[in-house]
Amino acid sequence: MSKAVVSLVGLQNSRYAKAVGRCIYFATKLSAGKNEIYVDKSIDEAWPTTKEGKVRTQLRKIRGVDGYLVYESTE
């Protein structure tokens, strides 16, 4: 979660959205092309928790960046 600049770039008939910011940088580093979801530390810290909750995170280092794997707890 962070501020980002979003703009349309490209030629008149083939524009696309481009975003730049801290959150985009870490999302790019944490995306490894696998069917897994990793979040940044700020998301992990903001994530609501309860004793009965099934969603957990686990710290892992991806491409030199700390990421938190999101998974379903079986406990």
N, C-alpha and C. Protein backbone atom coordinates (compact mmCIF):
# COMPACT_ATOMS: atom_id res chain seq x y z
N MET A 1 0.85 -1.16 0.00
CA MET A 1 0.00 0.00 0.00
C MET A 1 0.90 1.23 0.00
N SER A 2 0.75 2.03 -1.01
CA SER A 2 1.49 3.28 -1.07
C SER A 2 0.89 4.14 -2.17
N LYS A 3 1.33 5.36 -2.22
CA LYS A 3 0.90 6.23 -3.30
C LYS A 3 1.56 5.77 -4.58
N ALA A 4 0.86 5.98 -5.70
CA ALA A 4 1.41 5.62 -7.00
C ALA A 4 0.94 6.65 -8.02
N VAL A 5 1.73 6.83 -9.05
CA VAL A 5 1.36 7.69 -10.16
C VAL A 5 0.84 6.78 -11.27
N VAL A 6 -0.36 7.04 -11.76
CA VAL A 6 -0.95 6.25 -12.83
C VAL A 6 -1.20 7.19 -14.01
N SER A 7 -0.77 6.76 -15.18
CA SER A 7 -0.91 7.60 -16.37
C SER A 7 -1.14 6.70 -17.58
N LEU A 8 -1.72 7.27 -18.62
CA LEU A 8 -1.83 6.56 -19.90
C LEU A 8 -0.60 6.88 -20.72
N VAL A 9 0.01 5.84 -21.29
CA VAL A 9 1.20 6.02 -22.12
C VAL A 9 1.00 5.28 -23.43
N GLY A 10 1.82 5.61 -24.41
CA GLY A 10 1.76 4.93 -25.70
C GLY A 10 1.24 5.83 -26.79
N LEU A 11 1.08 5.26 -27.96
CA LEU A 11 0.56 5.99 -29.11
C LEU A 11 -0.95 6.16 -29.00
N GLN A 12 -1.48 7.08 -29.76
CA GLN A 12 -2.89 7.44 -29.65
C GLN A 12 -3.82 6.23 -29.77
N ASN A 13 -3.55 5.32 -30.67
CA ASN A 13 -4.44 4.16 -30.88
C ASN A 13 -4.06 2.93 -30.07
N SER A 14 -3.00 3.02 -29.28
CA SER A 14 -2.60 1.85 -28.48
C SER A 14 -2.05 2.29 -27.12
N ARG A 15 -2.87 2.97 -26.36
CA ARG A 15 -2.48 3.44 -25.02
C ARG A 15 -2.76 2.37 -23.97
N TYR A 16 -1.99 2.41 -22.93
CA TYR A 16 -2.22 1.51 -21.80
C TYR A 16 -1.86 2.23 -20.51
N ALA A 17 -2.39 1.74 -19.41
CA ALA A 17 -2.12 2.35 -18.11
C ALA A 17 -0.74 1.94 -17.62
N LYS A 18 -0.01 2.90 -17.08
CA LYS A 18 1.31 2.65 -16.50
C LYS A 18 1.28 3.21 -15.08
N ALA A 19 1.72 2.40 -14.11
CA ALA A 19 1.74 2.84 -12.72
C ALA A 19 3.17 2.77 -12.20
N VAL A 20 3.55 3.77 -11.42
CA VAL A 20 4.89 3.84 -10.83
C VAL A 20 4.74 4.19 -9.36
N GLY A 21 5.43 3.48 -8.51
CA GLY A 21 5.39 3.77 -7.08
C GLY A 21 6.00 2.64 -6.29
N ARG A 22 6.16 2.86 -5.00
CA ARG A 22 6.76 1.86 -4.11
C ARG A 22 5.99 0.54 -4.16
N CYS A 23 4.67 0.62 -4.11
CA CYS A 23 3.85 -0.59 -4.11
C CYS A 23 4.03 -1.38 -5.41
N ILE A 24 4.17 -0.67 -6.52
CA ILE A 24 4.36 -1.34 -7.81
C ILE A 24 5.73 -2.01 -7.85
N TYR A 25 6.75 -1.33 -7.35
CA TYR A 25 8.09 -1.88 -7.32
C TYR A 25 8.11 -3.20 -6.56
N PHE A 26 7.55 -3.22 -5.35
CA PHE A 26 7.57 -4.45 -4.56
C PHE A 26 6.66 -5.53 -5.15
N ALA A 27 5.55 -5.15 -5.75
CA ALA A 27 4.69 -6.14 -6.40
C ALA A 27 5.44 -6.83 -7.53
N THR A 28 6.23 -6.07 -8.27
CA THR A 28 7.02 -6.63 -9.36
C THR A 28 8.08 -7.59 -8.81
N LYS A 29 8.76 -7.20 -7.75
CA LYS A 29 9.79 -8.06 -7.16
C LYS A 29 9.19 -9.34 -6.58
N LEU A 30 7.98 -9.26 -6.02
CA LEU A 30 7.38 -10.40 -5.35
C LEU A 30 6.62 -11.32 -6.30
N SER A 31 6.45 -10.93 -7.55
CA SER A 31 5.75 -11.79 -8.48
C SER A 31 6.77 -12.74 -9.11
N ALA A 32 6.58 -14.02 -8.87
CA ALA A 32 7.56 -15.01 -9.33
C ALA A 32 7.00 -15.93 -10.40
N GLY A 33 5.83 -15.64 -10.94
CA GLY A 33 5.25 -16.47 -11.98
C GLY A 33 4.69 -17.78 -11.48
N LYS A 34 4.48 -17.90 -10.18
CA LYS A 34 3.90 -19.11 -9.60
C LYS A 34 2.49 -18.80 -9.12
N ASN A 35 1.73 -19.81 -8.84
CA ASN A 35 0.37 -19.63 -8.36
C ASN A 35 0.40 -19.40 -6.85
N GLU A 36 1.10 -18.36 -6.44
CA GLU A 36 1.23 -17.99 -5.03
C GLU A 36 1.03 -16.49 -4.92
N ILE A 37 0.55 -16.05 -3.78
CA ILE A 37 0.36 -14.62 -3.53
C ILE A 37 1.30 -14.18 -2.44
N TYR A 38 2.11 -13.19 -2.74
CA TYR A 38 3.03 -12.59 -1.77
C TYR A 38 2.63 -11.14 -1.58
N VAL A 39 2.71 -10.66 -0.35
CA VAL A 39 2.40 -9.27 -0.06
C VAL A 39 3.59 -8.63 0.64
N ASP A 40 3.61 -7.32 0.61
CA ASP A 40 4.65 -6.52 1.24
C ASP A 40 4.41 -6.47 2.75
N LYS A 41 5.43 -6.04 3.49
CA LYS A 41 5.34 -5.94 4.95
C LYS A 41 4.19 -5.05 5.40
N SER A 42 3.95 -3.95 4.68
CA SER A 42 2.87 -3.03 5.09
C SER A 42 1.50 -3.70 4.99
N ILE A 43 1.29 -4.55 3.99
CA ILE A 43 0.03 -5.30 3.87
C ILE A 43 -0.06 -6.32 5.00
N ASP A 44 1.05 -7.03 5.25
CA ASP A 44 1.07 -8.03 6.32
C ASP A 44 0.72 -7.40 7.66
N GLU A 45 1.28 -6.24 7.94
CA GLU A 45 1.02 -5.57 9.22
C GLU A 45 -0.41 -5.05 9.31
N ALA A 46 -1.01 -4.68 8.18
CA ALA A 46 -2.37 -4.14 8.18
C ALA A 46 -3.44 -5.24 8.14
N TRP A 47 -3.02 -6.49 7.87
CA TRP A 47 -3.97 -7.60 7.70
C TRP A 47 -4.68 -7.87 9.03
N PRO A 48 -6.02 -7.93 9.04
CA PRO A 48 -6.74 -8.22 10.29
C PRO A 48 -6.52 -9.68 10.70
N THR A 49 -6.42 -9.93 11.99
CA THR A 49 -6.21 -11.30 12.47
C THR A 49 -7.23 -11.65 13.55
N THR A 50 -7.63 -12.91 13.57
CA THR A 50 -8.48 -13.46 14.63
C THR A 50 -8.00 -14.88 14.91
N LYS A 51 -8.33 -15.42 16.08
CA LYS A 51 -7.95 -16.79 16.41
C LYS A 51 -8.59 -17.79 15.46
N GLU A 52 -9.80 -17.50 14.99
CA GLU A 52 -10.52 -18.41 14.10
C GLU A 52 -10.18 -18.19 12.63
N GLY A 53 -9.40 -17.16 12.32
CA GLY A 53 -9.08 -16.83 10.93
C GLY A 53 -8.29 -17.93 10.25
N LYS A 54 -8.54 -18.13 8.99
CA LYS A 54 -7.87 -19.19 8.23
C LYS A 54 -6.74 -18.66 7.35
N VAL A 55 -6.70 -17.35 7.11
CA VAL A 55 -5.67 -16.78 6.24
C VAL A 55 -4.46 -16.39 7.08
N ARG A 56 -3.31 -16.88 6.68
CA ARG A 56 -2.06 -16.61 7.38
C ARG A 56 -1.03 -16.10 6.38
N THR A 57 0.06 -15.54 6.92
CA THR A 57 1.18 -15.15 6.07
C THR A 57 2.45 -15.75 6.65
N GLN A 58 3.42 -15.99 5.77
CA GLN A 58 4.70 -16.55 6.20
C GLN A 58 5.82 -15.80 5.48
N LEU A 59 6.79 -15.29 6.24
CA LEU A 59 7.89 -14.52 5.68
C LEU A 59 8.77 -15.39 4.79
N ARG A 60 9.03 -14.87 3.58
CA ARG A 60 9.97 -15.51 2.65
C ARG A 60 10.73 -14.42 1.92
N LYS A 61 11.94 -14.70 1.51
CA LYS A 61 12.73 -13.73 0.74
C LYS A 61 12.61 -14.08 -0.74
N ILE A 62 12.13 -13.13 -1.54
CA ILE A 62 11.95 -13.32 -2.98
C ILE A 62 12.79 -12.27 -3.69
N ARG A 63 13.74 -12.70 -4.50
CA ARG A 63 14.60 -11.78 -5.26
C ARG A 63 15.19 -10.68 -4.39
N GLY A 64 15.61 -11.04 -3.20
CA GLY A 64 16.24 -10.09 -2.29
C GLY A 64 15.29 -9.19 -1.54
N VAL A 65 13.98 -9.44 -1.64
CA VAL A 65 12.97 -8.61 -0.98
C VAL A 65 12.17 -9.49 -0.02
N ASP A 66 11.92 -9.00 1.20
CA ASP A 66 11.07 -9.74 2.13
C ASP A 66 9.63 -9.70 1.63
N GLY A 67 9.05 -10.87 1.45
CA GLY A 67 7.66 -10.99 1.05
C GLY A 67 6.95 -11.92 2.01
N TYR A 68 5.66 -11.81 2.07
CA TYR A 68 4.85 -12.63 2.96
C TYR A 68 3.91 -13.47 2.14
N LEU A 69 4.13 -14.79 2.13
CA LEU A 69 3.28 -15.72 1.42
C LEU A 69 1.93 -15.78 2.10
N VAL A 70 0.86 -15.61 1.34
CA VAL A 70 -0.50 -15.71 1.88
C VAL A 70 -0.99 -17.14 1.63
N TYR A 71 -1.45 -17.80 2.69
CA TYR A 71 -1.91 -19.18 2.56
C TYR A 71 -3.07 -19.45 3.51
N GLU A 72 -3.76 -20.55 3.28
CA GLU A 72 -4.88 -20.96 4.13
C GLU A 72 -4.37 -21.89 5.21
N SER A 73 -4.66 -21.55 6.46
CA SER A 73 -4.24 -22.36 7.58
C SER A 73 -5.18 -23.55 7.74
N THR A 74 -4.63 -24.70 8.08
CA THR A 74 -5.45 -25.89 8.32
C THR A 74 -5.67 -26.13 9.80
N GLU A 75 -5.11 -25.27 10.63
CA GLU A 75 -5.24 -25.42 12.09
C GLU A 75 -6.57 -24.92 12.57
